[in-house]
Each structure stands twice: as C-alpha cells, then as structure tokens.
Amino acid sequence: MGQTFRPTRPEEPPAAAEVGLVTEDVAGAYARAVAAGATAWLPPAEKPWGQTVSYVRDLNGFLVELCSPMG
C-alpha cells in the first residue's frame, strides 16, 4: 500500500509544520530569502525570551522559521 499525502500549496494556508533554521543574522537571512523568491510571512521580531524569530514561505508554500540561537 502506497502512502498518500497532500502537497503544500503556496495559495493555501501553511501546513501545521515548519522547518527551523538558526542564524546569528535573522534580519539578513530574512532579507536574502525574500530576495531569492520566498514569500514574506512574519518579519523578524524579538520574542519575550530574547530570541529573534521570523517566518517566510518557500516557493512551494512550506513555512520556514529563521531564528537566532537560544540561550
């Protein structure tokens, strides 16, 4: 029996999953991702716990978190 799945679609809300990429330069990574064709989703913002977090969607619509290291 083959497995089935629903592909992520850029025109629909993102799936309830994400890939997280850690970087010291969240704003720079966000800008480079958008310049390379990613869709801006949530600009970089500092969270109450001190981490900087942003989100883009890749060309397939998958949600990608760009964040600073924890602690």
C-alpha atoms as a PDB file:
ATOM      1  CA  MET A   1       0.000   0.000   0.000  1.00  0.00           C
ATOM      2  CA  GLY A   2       1.457   3.344  -1.027  1.00  0.00           C
ATOM      3  CA  GLN A   3       1.434   6.332   1.255  1.00  0.00           C
ATOM      4  CA  THR A   4      -0.522   9.393   0.250  1.00  0.00           C
ATOM      5  CA  PHE A   5      -0.043  12.991   1.253  1.00  0.00           C
ATOM      6  CA  ARG A   6      -1.328  16.423   0.340  1.00  0.00           C
ATOM      7  CA  PRO A   7       1.400  18.662  -1.058  1.00  0.00           C
ATOM      8  CA  THR A   8       1.824  22.133   0.368  1.00  0.00           C
ATOM      9  CA  ARG A   9       0.281  24.756  -1.884  1.00  0.00           C
ATOM     10  CA  PRO A  10       1.500  28.382  -1.873  1.00  0.00           C
ATOM     11  CA  GLU A  11      -2.040  29.748  -2.313  1.00  0.00           C
ATOM     12  CA  GLU A  12      -3.355  27.938   0.795  1.00  0.00           C
ATOM     13  CA  PRO A  13      -2.562  28.466   4.496  1.00  0.00           C
ATOM     14  CA  PRO A  14       0.691  26.801   5.535  1.00  0.00           C
ATOM     15  CA  ALA A  15       0.686  23.284   6.953  1.00  0.00           C
ATOM     16  CA  ALA A  16       0.917  22.784  10.714  1.00  0.00           C
ATOM     17  CA  ALA A  17       4.639  22.121  10.392  1.00  0.00           C
ATOM     18  CA  GLU A  18       7.751  24.161   9.781  1.00  0.00           C
ATOM     19  CA  VAL A  19      11.473  23.887   9.231  1.00  0.00           C
ATOM     20  CA  GLY A  20      13.580  25.965  11.609  1.00  0.00           C
ATOM     21  CA  LEU A  21      16.930  27.416  10.562  1.00  0.00           C
ATOM     22  CA  VAL A  22      19.156  29.017  13.194  1.00  0.00           C
ATOM     23  CA  THR A  23      21.329  32.015  12.314  1.00  0.00           C
ATOM     24  CA  GLU A  24      23.083  34.866  14.095  1.00  0.00           C
ATOM     25  CA  ASP A  25      21.707  37.290  11.437  1.00  0.00           C
ATOM     26  CA  VAL A  26      17.949  36.730  11.287  1.00  0.00           C
ATOM     27  CA  ALA A  27      17.203  40.043   9.545  1.00  0.00           C
ATOM     28  CA  GLY A  28      19.845  39.346   6.886  1.00  0.00           C
ATOM     29  CA  ALA A  29      18.646  35.783   6.312  1.00  0.00           C
ATOM     30  CA  TYR A  30      15.046  37.014   6.061  1.00  0.00           C
ATOM     31  CA  ALA A  31      16.000  39.686   3.502  1.00  0.00           C
ATOM     32  CA  ARG A  32      18.065  37.208   1.446  1.00  0.00           C
ATOM     33  CA  ALA A  33      15.250  34.637   1.478  1.00  0.00           C
ATOM     34  CA  VAL A  34      12.674  37.184   0.281  1.00  0.00           C
ATOM     35  CA  ALA A  35      15.079  38.499  -2.378  1.00  0.00           C
ATOM     36  CA  ALA A  36      15.562  34.913  -3.590  1.00  0.00           C
ATOM     37  CA  GLY A  37      11.806  34.397  -4.038  1.00  0.00           C
ATOM     38  CA  ALA A  38      10.464  33.344  -0.639  1.00  0.00           C
ATOM     39  CA  THR A  39       7.200  34.926   0.475  1.00  0.00           C
ATOM     40  CA  ALA A  40       7.499  37.210   3.492  1.00  0.00           C
ATOM     41  CA  TRP A  41       5.269  35.804   6.249  1.00  0.00           C
ATOM     42  CA  LEU A  42       6.369  37.396   9.540  1.00  0.00           C
ATOM     43  CA  PRO A  43       9.246  39.896   9.728  1.00  0.00           C
ATOM     44  CA  PRO A  44      11.980  39.497  12.338  1.00  0.00           C
ATOM     45  CA  ALA A  45      10.815  40.274  15.870  1.00  0.00           C
ATOM     46  CA  GLU A  46      12.358  39.762  19.274  1.00  0.00           C
ATOM     47  CA  LYS A  47      10.376  37.402  21.489  1.00  0.00           C
ATOM     48  CA  PRO A  48       9.945  37.942  25.261  1.00  0.00           C
ATOM     49  CA  TRP A  49      12.567  35.239  25.929  1.00  0.00           C
ATOM     50  CA  GLY A  50      15.171  37.150  23.865  1.00  0.00           C
ATOM     51  CA  GLN A  51      15.187  35.090  20.665  1.00  0.00           C
ATOM     52  CA  THR A  52      14.706  36.830  17.304  1.00  0.00           C
ATOM     53  CA  VAL A  53      12.245  34.948  15.082  1.00  0.00           C
ATOM     54  CA  SER A  54      10.883  35.440  11.567  1.00  0.00           C
ATOM     55  CA  TYR A  55       8.998  33.326   9.038  1.00  0.00           C
ATOM     56  CA  VAL A  56       8.967  33.012   5.261  1.00  0.00           C
ATOM     57  CA  ARG A  57       7.246  30.562   2.944  1.00  0.00           C
ATOM     58  CA  ASP A  58       9.357  28.778   0.357  1.00  0.00           C
ATOM     59  CA  LEU A  59       8.438  28.506  -3.330  1.00  0.00           C
ATOM     60  CA  ASN A  60       6.202  25.511  -2.533  1.00  0.00           C
ATOM     61  CA  GLY A  61       4.451  27.359   0.294  1.00  0.00           C
ATOM     62  CA  PHE A  62       6.207  25.497   3.137  1.00  0.00           C
ATOM     63  CA  LEU A  63       6.723  27.550   6.299  1.00  0.00           C
ATOM     64  CA  VAL A  64      10.362  28.243   7.234  1.00  0.00           C
ATOM     65  CA  GLU A  65      11.343  29.750  10.584  1.00  0.00           C
ATOM     66  CA  LEU A  66      14.523  31.840  10.641  1.00  0.00           C
ATOM     67  CA  CYS A  67      15.628  32.332  14.236  1.00  0.00           C
ATOM     68  CA  SER A  68      18.541  33.263  16.434  1.00  0.00           C
ATOM     69  CA  PRO A  69      20.141  30.685  18.737  1.00  0.00           C
ATOM     70  CA  MET A  70      18.550  30.040  22.128  1.00  0.00           C
ATOM     71  CA  GLY A  71      20.470  30.855  25.293  1.00  0.00           C
END
